[in-house]
Amino acid sequence: QPFGVTGDQFGAAEECQLDEDDMLIPIIVGAALAGLVLI
């Protein structure tokens, strides 16, 4: 965080696309398994 620092703590994080893609996998798998159980 190079601008707008308050105190000595990071502000809320904006995550990169790589992190978002990494989180997408368990969400898709979980949703698919839940749908399978329901059907």
ModelCIF file with pLDDT and N, C-alpha, C, O atoms, coordinates in Angstrom:
data_MODEL
#
_entry.id   MODEL 
#
_entity.id                         1 
_entity.type                       polymer 
_entity.pdbx_number_of_molecules   1 
#
_entity_poly.entity_id                      1 
_entity_poly.type                           'polypeptide(L)' 
_entity_poly.nstd_linkage                   no 
_entity_poly.nstd_monomer                   no 
_entity_poly.pdbx_seq_one_letter_code       QPFGVTGDQFGAAEECQLDEDDMLIPIIVGAALAGLVLI 
_entity_poly.pdbx_seq_one_letter_code_can   QPFGVTGDQFGAAEECQLDEDDMLIPIIVGAALAGLVLI 
_entity_poly.pdbx_strand_id                 A 
#
loop_
_entity_poly_seq.entity_id 
_entity_poly_seq.num 
_entity_poly_seq.mon_id 
_entity_poly_seq.hetero 
1 1  GLN n 
1 2  PRO n 
1 3  PHE n 
1 4  GLY n 
1 5  VAL n 
1 6  THR n 
1 7  GLY n 
1 8  ASP n 
1 9  GLN n 
1 10 PHE n 
1 11 GLY n 
1 12 ALA n 
1 13 ALA n 
1 14 GLU n 
1 15 GLU n 
1 16 CYS n 
1 17 GLN n 
1 18 LEU n 
1 19 ASP n 
1 20 GLU n 
1 21 ASP n 
1 22 ASP n 
1 23 MET n 
1 24 LEU n 
1 25 ILE n 
1 26 PRO n 
1 27 ILE n 
1 28 ILE n 
1 29 VAL n 
1 30 GLY n 
1 31 ALA n 
1 32 ALA n 
1 33 LEU n 
1 34 ALA n 
1 35 GLY n 
1 36 LEU n 
1 37 VAL n 
1 38 LEU n 
1 39 ILE n 
#
_struct_asym.id          A 
_struct_asym.entity_id   1 
#
loop_
_ma_qa_metric.id 
_ma_qa_metric.mode 
_ma_qa_metric.name 
_ma_qa_metric.software_group_id 
_ma_qa_metric.type 
1 global pLDDT . pLDDT 
2 local  pLDDT . pLDDT 
#
_ma_qa_metric_global.metric_id      1 
_ma_qa_metric_global.metric_value   72.62 
_ma_qa_metric_global.model_id       1 
_ma_qa_metric_global.ordinal_id     1 
#
loop_
_ma_qa_metric_local.label_asym_id 
_ma_qa_metric_local.label_comp_id 
_ma_qa_metric_local.label_seq_id 
_ma_qa_metric_local.metric_id 
_ma_qa_metric_local.metric_value 
_ma_qa_metric_local.model_id 
_ma_qa_metric_local.ordinal_id 
A GLN 1  2 98.00 1 1  
A PRO 2  2 97.00 1 2  
A PHE 3  2 97.00 1 3  
A GLY 4  2 95.00 1 4  
A VAL 5  2 96.00 1 5  
A THR 6  2 93.00 1 6  
A GLY 7  2 92.00 1 7  
A ASP 8  2 93.00 1 8  
A GLN 9  2 95.00 1 9  
A PHE 10 2 97.00 1 10 
A GLY 11 2 96.00 1 11 
A ALA 12 2 97.00 1 12 
A ALA 13 2 96.00 1 13 
A GLU 14 2 97.00 1 14 
A GLU 15 2 95.00 1 15 
A CYS 16 2 94.00 1 16 
A GLN 17 2 88.00 1 17 
A LEU 18 2 72.00 1 18 
A ASP 19 2 59.00 1 19 
A GLU 20 2 58.00 1 20 
A ASP 21 2 48.00 1 21 
A ASP 22 2 48.00 1 22 
A MET 23 2 45.00 1 23 
A LEU 24 2 43.00 1 24 
A ILE 25 2 47.00 1 25 
A PRO 26 2 52.00 1 26 
A ILE 27 2 49.00 1 27 
A ILE 28 2 49.00 1 28 
A VAL 29 2 46.00 1 29 
A GLY 30 2 51.00 1 30 
A ALA 31 2 52.00 1 31 
A ALA 32 2 57.00 1 32 
A LEU 33 2 59.00 1 33 
A ALA 34 2 57.00 1 34 
A GLY 35 2 59.00 1 35 
A LEU 36 2 65.00 1 36 
A VAL 37 2 63.00 1 37 
A LEU 38 2 66.00 1 38 
A ILE 39 2 71.00 1 39 
#
loop_
_atom_site.group_PDB 
_atom_site.id 
_atom_site.type_symbol 
_atom_site.label_atom_id 
_atom_site.label_alt_id 
_atom_site.label_comp_id 
_atom_site.label_asym_id 
_atom_site.label_entity_id 
_atom_site.label_seq_id 
_atom_site.pdbx_PDB_ins_code 
_atom_site.Cartn_x 
_atom_site.Cartn_y 
_atom_site.Cartn_z 
_atom_site.occupancy 
_atom_site.B_iso_or_equiv 
_atom_site.pdbx_formal_charge 
_atom_site.auth_seq_id 
_atom_site.auth_comp_id 
_atom_site.auth_asym_id 
_atom_site.auth_atom_id 
_atom_site.pdbx_PDB_model_num 
ATOM 1   N N  . GLN A 1 1  ? 0.860   -1.188  0.000   1.00 98.00 ? 1  GLN A N  1 
ATOM 2   C CA . GLN A 1 1  ? 0.000   0.000   0.000   1.00 98.00 ? 1  GLN A CA 1 
ATOM 3   C C  . GLN A 1 1  ? 0.895   1.237   0.000   1.00 98.00 ? 1  GLN A C  1 
ATOM 4   O O  . GLN A 1 1  ? 1.452   1.601   1.036   1.00 98.00 ? 1  GLN A O  1 
ATOM 5   N N  . PRO A 1 2  ? 1.036   1.886   -1.162  1.00 97.00 ? 2  PRO A N  1 
ATOM 6   C CA . PRO A 1 2  ? 1.935   3.037   -1.259  1.00 97.00 ? 2  PRO A CA 1 
ATOM 7   C C  . PRO A 1 2  ? 1.282   4.387   -0.972  1.00 97.00 ? 2  PRO A C  1 
ATOM 8   O O  . PRO A 1 2  ? 1.980   5.395   -0.855  1.00 97.00 ? 2  PRO A O  1 
ATOM 9   N N  . PHE A 1 3  ? -0.045  4.423   -0.855  1.00 97.00 ? 3  PHE A N  1 
ATOM 10  C CA . PHE A 1 3  ? -0.754  5.686   -0.621  1.00 97.00 ? 3  PHE A CA 1 
ATOM 11  C C  . PHE A 1 3  ? -1.926  5.450   0.340   1.00 97.00 ? 3  PHE A C  1 
ATOM 12  O O  . PHE A 1 3  ? -2.477  4.351   0.414   1.00 97.00 ? 3  PHE A O  1 
ATOM 13  N N  . GLY A 1 4  ? -2.286  6.497   1.065   1.00 95.00 ? 4  GLY A N  1 
ATOM 14  C CA . GLY A 1 4  ? -3.467  6.432   1.930   1.00 95.00 ? 4  GLY A CA 1 
ATOM 15  C C  . GLY A 1 4  ? -3.312  5.498   3.111   1.00 95.00 ? 4  GLY A C  1 
ATOM 16  O O  . GLY A 1 4  ? -4.289  4.890   3.548   1.00 95.00 ? 4  GLY A O  1 
ATOM 17  N N  . VAL A 1 5  ? -2.102  5.373   3.636   1.00 96.00 ? 5  VAL A N  1 
ATOM 18  C CA . VAL A 1 5  ? -1.873  4.505   4.801   1.00 96.00 ? 5  VAL A CA 1 
ATOM 19  C C  . VAL A 1 5  ? -2.358  5.212   6.061   1.00 96.00 ? 5  VAL A C  1 
ATOM 20  O O  . VAL A 1 5  ? -2.070  6.391   6.269   1.00 96.00 ? 5  VAL A O  1 
ATOM 21  N N  . THR A 1 6  ? -3.090  4.489   6.895   1.00 93.00 ? 6  THR A N  1 
ATOM 22  C CA . THR A 1 6  ? -3.554  5.014   8.182   1.00 93.00 ? 6  THR A CA 1 
ATOM 23  C C  . THR A 1 6  ? -2.847  4.263   9.296   1.00 93.00 ? 6  THR A C  1 
ATOM 24  O O  . THR A 1 6  ? -3.023  3.053   9.443   1.00 93.00 ? 6  THR A O  1 
ATOM 25  N N  . GLY A 1 7  ? -2.047  4.978   10.084  1.00 92.00 ? 7  GLY A N  1 
ATOM 26  C CA . GLY A 1 7  ? -1.275  4.321   11.136  1.00 92.00 ? 7  GLY A CA 1 
ATOM 27  C C  . GLY A 1 7  ? -0.195  3.456   10.534  1.00 92.00 ? 7  GLY A C  1 
ATOM 28  O O  . GLY A 1 7  ? 0.506   3.887   9.618   1.00 92.00 ? 7  GLY A O  1 
ATOM 29  N N  . ASP A 1 8  ? -0.047  2.233   11.035  1.00 93.00 ? 8  ASP A N  1 
ATOM 30  C CA . ASP A 1 8  ? 0.958   1.304   10.500  1.00 93.00 ? 8  ASP A CA 1 
ATOM 31  C C  . ASP A 1 8  ? 0.305   -0.009  10.065  1.00 93.00 ? 8  ASP A C  1 
ATOM 32  O O  . ASP A 1 8  ? 0.945   -1.060  10.092  1.00 93.00 ? 8  ASP A O  1 
ATOM 33  N N  . GLN A 1 9  ? -0.981  0.053   9.662   1.00 95.00 ? 9  GLN A N  1 
ATOM 34  C CA . GLN A 1 9  ? -1.710  -1.125  9.251   1.00 95.00 ? 9  GLN A CA 1 
ATOM 35  C C  . GLN A 1 9  ? -2.184  -0.985  7.807   1.00 95.00 ? 9  GLN A C  1 
ATOM 36  O O  . GLN A 1 9  ? -2.516  0.109   7.351   1.00 95.00 ? 9  GLN A O  1 
ATOM 37  N N  . PHE A 1 10 ? -2.211  -2.115  7.095   1.00 97.00 ? 10 PHE A N  1 
ATOM 38  C CA . PHE A 1 10 ? -2.736  -2.114  5.735   1.00 97.00 ? 10 PHE A CA 1 
ATOM 39  C C  . PHE A 1 10 ? -4.233  -1.796  5.740   1.00 97.00 ? 10 PHE A C  1 
ATOM 40  O O  . PHE A 1 10 ? -4.956  -2.143  6.674   1.00 97.00 ? 10 PHE A O  1 
ATOM 41  N N  . GLY A 1 11 ? -4.671  -1.133  4.681   1.00 96.00 ? 11 GLY A N  1 
ATOM 42  C CA . GLY A 1 11 ? -6.094  -0.955  4.474   1.00 96.00 ? 11 GLY A CA 1 
ATOM 43  C C  . GLY A 1 11 ? -6.693  -2.241  3.935   1.00 96.00 ? 11 GLY A C  1 
ATOM 44  O O  . GLY A 1 11 ? -5.974  -3.212  3.702   1.00 96.00 ? 11 GLY A O  1 
ATOM 45  N N  . ALA A 1 12 ? -8.001  -2.255  3.736   1.00 97.00 ? 12 ALA A N  1 
ATOM 46  C CA . ALA A 1 12 ? -8.672  -3.432  3.186   1.00 97.00 ? 12 ALA A CA 1 
ATOM 47  C C  . ALA A 1 12 ? -8.015  -3.822  1.872   1.00 97.00 ? 12 ALA A C  1 
ATOM 48  O O  . ALA A 1 12 ? -7.627  -2.960  1.084   1.00 97.00 ? 12 ALA A O  1 
ATOM 49  N N  . ALA A 1 13 ? -7.891  -5.128  1.637   1.00 96.00 ? 13 ALA A N  1 
ATOM 50  C CA . ALA A 1 13 ? -7.133  -5.629  0.498   1.00 96.00 ? 13 ALA A CA 1 
ATOM 51  C C  . ALA A 1 13 ? -7.992  -5.792  -0.748  1.00 96.00 ? 13 ALA A C  1 
ATOM 52  O O  . ALA A 1 13 ? -9.126  -6.264  -0.673  1.00 96.00 ? 13 ALA A O  1 
ATOM 53  N N  . GLU A 1 14 ? -7.450  -5.403  -1.879  1.00 97.00 ? 14 GLU A N  1 
ATOM 54  C CA . GLU A 1 14 ? -7.996  -5.711  -3.193  1.00 97.00 ? 14 GLU A CA 1 
ATOM 55  C C  . GLU A 1 14 ? -7.136  -6.829  -3.775  1.00 97.00 ? 14 GLU A C  1 
ATOM 56  O O  . GLU A 1 14 ? -5.950  -6.634  -4.043  1.00 97.00 ? 14 GLU A O  1 
ATOM 57  N N  . GLU A 1 15 ? -7.738  -7.994  -3.968  1.00 95.00 ? 15 GLU A N  1 
ATOM 58  C CA . GLU A 1 15 ? -6.964  -9.172  -4.349  1.00 95.00 ? 15 GLU A CA 1 
ATOM 59  C C  . GLU A 1 15 ? -6.770  -9.268  -5.861  1.00 95.00 ? 15 GLU A C  1 
ATOM 60  O O  . GLU A 1 15 ? -7.604  -8.819  -6.647  1.00 95.00 ? 15 GLU A O  1 
ATOM 61  N N  . CYS A 1 16 ? -5.647  -9.866  -6.238  1.00 94.00 ? 16 CYS A N  1 
ATOM 62  C CA . CYS A 1 16 ? -5.307  -10.007 -7.649  1.00 94.00 ? 16 CYS A CA 1 
ATOM 63  C C  . CYS A 1 16 ? -6.149  -11.105 -8.303  1.00 94.00 ? 16 CYS A C  1 
ATOM 64  O O  . CYS A 1 16 ? -6.808  -11.884 -7.615  1.00 94.00 ? 16 CYS A O  1 
ATOM 65  N N  . GLN A 1 17 ? -6.121  -11.158 -9.623  1.00 88.00 ? 17 GLN A N  1 
ATOM 66  C CA . GLN A 1 17 ? -6.906  -12.132 -10.373 1.00 88.00 ? 17 GLN A CA 1 
ATOM 67  C C  . GLN A 1 17 ? -6.464  -13.556 -10.082 1.00 88.00 ? 17 GLN A C  1 
ATOM 68  O O  . GLN A 1 17 ? -7.288  -14.470 -10.067 1.00 88.00 ? 17 GLN A O  1 
ATOM 69  N N  . LEU A 1 18 ? -5.154  -13.757 -9.848  1.00 72.00 ? 18 LEU A N  1 
ATOM 70  C CA . LEU A 1 18 ? -4.644  -15.098 -9.548  1.00 72.00 ? 18 LEU A CA 1 
ATOM 71  C C  . LEU A 1 18 ? -5.279  -15.646 -8.278  1.00 72.00 ? 18 LEU A C  1 
ATOM 72  O O  . LEU A 1 18 ? -5.643  -16.821 -8.224  1.00 72.00 ? 18 LEU A O  1 
ATOM 73  N N  . ASP A 1 19 ? -5.414  -14.807 -7.257  1.00 59.00 ? 19 ASP A N  1 
ATOM 74  C CA . ASP A 1 19 ? -6.044  -15.247 -6.012  1.00 59.00 ? 19 ASP A CA 1 
ATOM 75  C C  . ASP A 1 19 ? -7.513  -15.559 -6.220  1.00 59.00 ? 19 ASP A C  1 
ATOM 76  O O  . ASP A 1 19 ? -8.023  -16.541 -5.682  1.00 59.00 ? 19 ASP A O  1 
ATOM 77  N N  . GLU A 1 20 ? -8.204  -14.725 -7.004  1.00 58.00 ? 20 GLU A N  1 
ATOM 78  C CA . GLU A 1 20 ? -9.629  -14.939 -7.254  1.00 58.00 ? 20 GLU A CA 1 
ATOM 79  C C  . GLU A 1 20 ? -9.851  -16.246 -8.010  1.00 58.00 ? 20 GLU A C  1 
ATOM 80  O O  . GLU A 1 20 ? -10.796 -16.980 -7.720  1.00 58.00 ? 20 GLU A O  1 
ATOM 81  N N  . ASP A 1 21 ? -8.979  -16.540 -8.985  1.00 48.00 ? 21 ASP A N  1 
ATOM 82  C CA . ASP A 1 21 ? -9.100  -17.794 -9.729  1.00 48.00 ? 21 ASP A CA 1 
ATOM 83  C C  . ASP A 1 21 ? -8.849  -18.984 -8.820  1.00 48.00 ? 21 ASP A C  1 
ATOM 84  O O  . ASP A 1 21 ? -9.492  -20.022 -8.966  1.00 48.00 ? 21 ASP A O  1 
ATOM 85  N N  . ASP A 1 22 ? -7.913  -18.843 -7.877  1.00 48.00 ? 22 ASP A N  1 
ATOM 86  C CA . ASP A 1 22 ? -7.590  -19.933 -6.964  1.00 48.00 ? 22 ASP A CA 1 
ATOM 87  C C  . ASP A 1 22 ? -8.770  -20.231 -6.031  1.00 48.00 ? 22 ASP A C  1 
ATOM 88  O O  . ASP A 1 22 ? -8.997  -21.384 -5.665  1.00 48.00 ? 22 ASP A O  1 
ATOM 89  N N  . MET A 1 23 ? -9.516  -19.194 -5.651  1.00 45.00 ? 23 MET A N  1 
ATOM 90  C CA . MET A 1 23 ? -10.678 -19.380 -4.778  1.00 45.00 ? 23 MET A CA 1 
ATOM 91  C C  . MET A 1 23 ? -11.880 -19.918 -5.547  1.00 45.00 ? 23 MET A C  1 
ATOM 92  O O  . MET A 1 23 ? -12.808 -20.462 -4.950  1.00 45.00 ? 23 MET A O  1 
ATOM 93  N N  . LEU A 1 24 ? -11.864 -19.766 -6.875  1.00 43.00 ? 24 LEU A N  1 
ATOM 94  C CA . LEU A 1 24 ? -13.006 -20.173 -7.693  1.00 43.00 ? 24 LEU A CA 1 
ATOM 95  C C  . LEU A 1 24 ? -13.164 -21.687 -7.745  1.00 43.00 ? 24 LEU A C  1 
ATOM 96  O O  . LEU A 1 24 ? -14.284 -22.193 -7.827  1.00 43.00 ? 24 LEU A O  1 
ATOM 97  N N  . ILE A 1 25 ? -12.038 -22.421 -7.697  1.00 47.00 ? 25 ILE A N  1 
ATOM 98  C CA . ILE A 1 25 ? -12.083 -23.877 -7.826  1.00 47.00 ? 25 ILE A CA 1 
ATOM 99  C C  . ILE A 1 25 ? -12.929 -24.530 -6.732  1.00 47.00 ? 25 ILE A C  1 
ATOM 100 O O  . ILE A 1 25 ? -13.864 -25.258 -7.065  1.00 47.00 ? 25 ILE A O  1 
ATOM 101 N N  . PRO A 1 26 ? -12.646 -24.304 -5.422  1.00 52.00 ? 26 PRO A N  1 
ATOM 102 C CA . PRO A 1 26 ? -13.474 -24.964 -4.407  1.00 52.00 ? 26 PRO A CA 1 
ATOM 103 C C  . PRO A 1 26 ? -14.938 -24.547 -4.454  1.00 52.00 ? 26 PRO A C  1 
ATOM 104 O O  . PRO A 1 26 ? -15.817 -25.330 -4.094  1.00 52.00 ? 26 PRO A O  1 
ATOM 105 N N  . ILE A 1 27 ? -15.208 -23.314 -4.899  1.00 49.00 ? 27 ILE A N  1 
ATOM 106 C CA . ILE A 1 27 ? -16.596 -22.863 -5.002  1.00 49.00 ? 27 ILE A CA 1 
ATOM 107 C C  . ILE A 1 27 ? -17.330 -23.662 -6.077  1.00 49.00 ? 27 ILE A C  1 
ATOM 108 O O  . ILE A 1 27 ? -18.451 -24.119 -5.855  1.00 49.00 ? 27 ILE A O  1 
ATOM 109 N N  . ILE A 1 28 ? -16.696 -23.831 -7.246  1.00 49.00 ? 28 ILE A N  1 
ATOM 110 C CA . ILE A 1 28 ? -17.318 -24.577 -8.341  1.00 49.00 ? 28 ILE A CA 1 
ATOM 111 C C  . ILE A 1 28 ? -17.518 -26.036 -7.955  1.00 49.00 ? 28 ILE A C  1 
ATOM 112 O O  . ILE A 1 28 ? -18.582 -26.609 -8.190  1.00 49.00 ? 28 ILE A O  1 
ATOM 113 N N  . VAL A 1 29 ? -16.475 -26.640 -7.353  1.00 46.00 ? 29 VAL A N  1 
ATOM 114 C CA . VAL A 1 29 ? -16.567 -28.042 -6.963  1.00 46.00 ? 29 VAL A CA 1 
ATOM 115 C C  . VAL A 1 29 ? -17.650 -28.245 -5.907  1.00 46.00 ? 29 VAL A C  1 
ATOM 116 O O  . VAL A 1 29 ? -18.436 -29.189 -5.989  1.00 46.00 ? 29 VAL A O  1 
ATOM 117 N N  . GLY A 1 30 ? -17.686 -27.356 -4.918  1.00 51.00 ? 30 GLY A N  1 
ATOM 118 C CA . GLY A 1 30 ? -18.693 -27.466 -3.868  1.00 51.00 ? 30 GLY A CA 1 
ATOM 119 C C  . GLY A 1 30 ? -20.102 -27.320 -4.412  1.00 51.00 ? 30 GLY A C  1 
ATOM 120 O O  . GLY A 1 30 ? -21.005 -28.064 -4.029  1.00 51.00 ? 30 GLY A O  1 
ATOM 121 N N  . ALA A 1 31 ? -20.291 -26.350 -5.314  1.00 52.00 ? 31 ALA A N  1 
ATOM 122 C CA . ALA A 1 31 ? -21.616 -26.145 -5.899  1.00 52.00 ? 31 ALA A CA 1 
ATOM 123 C C  . ALA A 1 31 ? -22.033 -27.344 -6.742  1.00 52.00 ? 31 ALA A C  1 
ATOM 124 O O  . ALA A 1 31 ? -23.194 -27.752 -6.732  1.00 52.00 ? 31 ALA A O  1 
ATOM 125 N N  . ALA A 1 32 ? -21.059 -27.909 -7.477  1.00 57.00 ? 32 ALA A N  1 
ATOM 126 C CA . ALA A 1 32 ? -21.379 -29.065 -8.317  1.00 57.00 ? 32 ALA A CA 1 
ATOM 127 C C  . ALA A 1 32 ? -21.764 -30.268 -7.467  1.00 57.00 ? 32 ALA A C  1 
ATOM 128 O O  . ALA A 1 32 ? -22.717 -30.975 -7.794  1.00 57.00 ? 32 ALA A O  1 
ATOM 129 N N  . LEU A 1 33 ? -21.038 -30.509 -6.384  1.00 59.00 ? 33 LEU A N  1 
ATOM 130 C CA . LEU A 1 33 ? -21.354 -31.641 -5.510  1.00 59.00 ? 33 LEU A CA 1 
ATOM 131 C C  . LEU A 1 33 ? -22.705 -31.457 -4.817  1.00 59.00 ? 33 LEU A C  1 
ATOM 132 O O  . LEU A 1 33 ? -23.482 -32.401 -4.679  1.00 59.00 ? 33 LEU A O  1 
ATOM 133 N N  . ALA A 1 34 ? -22.968 -30.217 -4.384  1.00 57.00 ? 34 ALA A N  1 
ATOM 134 C CA . ALA A 1 34 ? -24.259 -29.946 -3.747  1.00 57.00 ? 34 ALA A CA 1 
ATOM 135 C C  . ALA A 1 34 ? -25.407 -30.171 -4.732  1.00 57.00 ? 34 ALA A C  1 
ATOM 136 O O  . ALA A 1 34 ? -26.446 -30.725 -4.374  1.00 57.00 ? 34 ALA A O  1 
ATOM 137 N N  . GLY A 1 35 ? -25.204 -29.735 -5.980  1.00 59.00 ? 35 GLY A N  1 
ATOM 138 C CA . GLY A 1 35 ? -26.228 -29.957 -6.990  1.00 59.00 ? 35 GLY A CA 1 
ATOM 139 C C  . GLY A 1 35 ? -26.441 -31.431 -7.275  1.00 59.00 ? 35 GLY A C  1 
ATOM 140 O O  . GLY A 1 35 ? -27.568 -31.873 -7.499  1.00 59.00 ? 35 GLY A O  1 
ATOM 141 N N  . LEU A 1 36 ? -25.336 -32.202 -7.267  1.00 65.00 ? 36 LEU A N  1 
ATOM 142 C CA . LEU A 1 36 ? -25.441 -33.644 -7.503  1.00 65.00 ? 36 LEU A CA 1 
ATOM 143 C C  . LEU A 1 36 ? -26.258 -34.324 -6.404  1.00 65.00 ? 36 LEU A C  1 
ATOM 144 O O  . LEU A 1 36 ? -27.126 -35.152 -6.682  1.00 65.00 ? 36 LEU A O  1 
ATOM 145 N N  . VAL A 1 37 ? -25.969 -33.964 -5.154  1.00 63.00 ? 37 VAL A N  1 
ATOM 146 C CA . VAL A 1 37 ? -26.703 -34.562 -4.033  1.00 63.00 ? 37 VAL A CA 1 
ATOM 147 C C  . VAL A 1 37 ? -28.185 -34.233 -4.123  1.00 63.00 ? 37 VAL A C  1 
ATOM 148 O O  . VAL A 1 37 ? -29.032 -35.098 -3.895  1.00 63.00 ? 37 VAL A O  1 
ATOM 149 N N  . LEU A 1 38 ? -28.502 -32.984 -4.456  1.00 66.00 ? 38 LEU A N  1 
ATOM 150 C CA . LEU A 1 38 ? -29.904 -32.572 -4.558  1.00 66.00 ? 38 LEU A CA 1 
ATOM 151 C C  . LEU A 1 38 ? -30.636 -33.341 -5.660  1.00 66.00 ? 38 LEU A C  1 
ATOM 152 O O  . LEU A 1 38 ? -31.759 -33.804 -5.461  1.00 66.00 ? 38 LEU A O  1 
ATOM 153 N N  . ILE A 1 39 ? -29.989 -33.472 -6.828  1.00 71.00 ? 39 ILE A N  1 
ATOM 154 C CA . ILE A 1 39 ? -30.630 -34.158 -7.949  1.00 71.00 ? 39 ILE A CA 1 
ATOM 155 C C  . ILE A 1 39 ? -30.814 -35.642 -7.644  1.00 71.00 ? 39 ILE A C  1 
ATOM 156 O O  . ILE A 1 39 ? -31.339 -36.383 -8.476  1.00 71.00 ? 39 ILE A O  1 
#
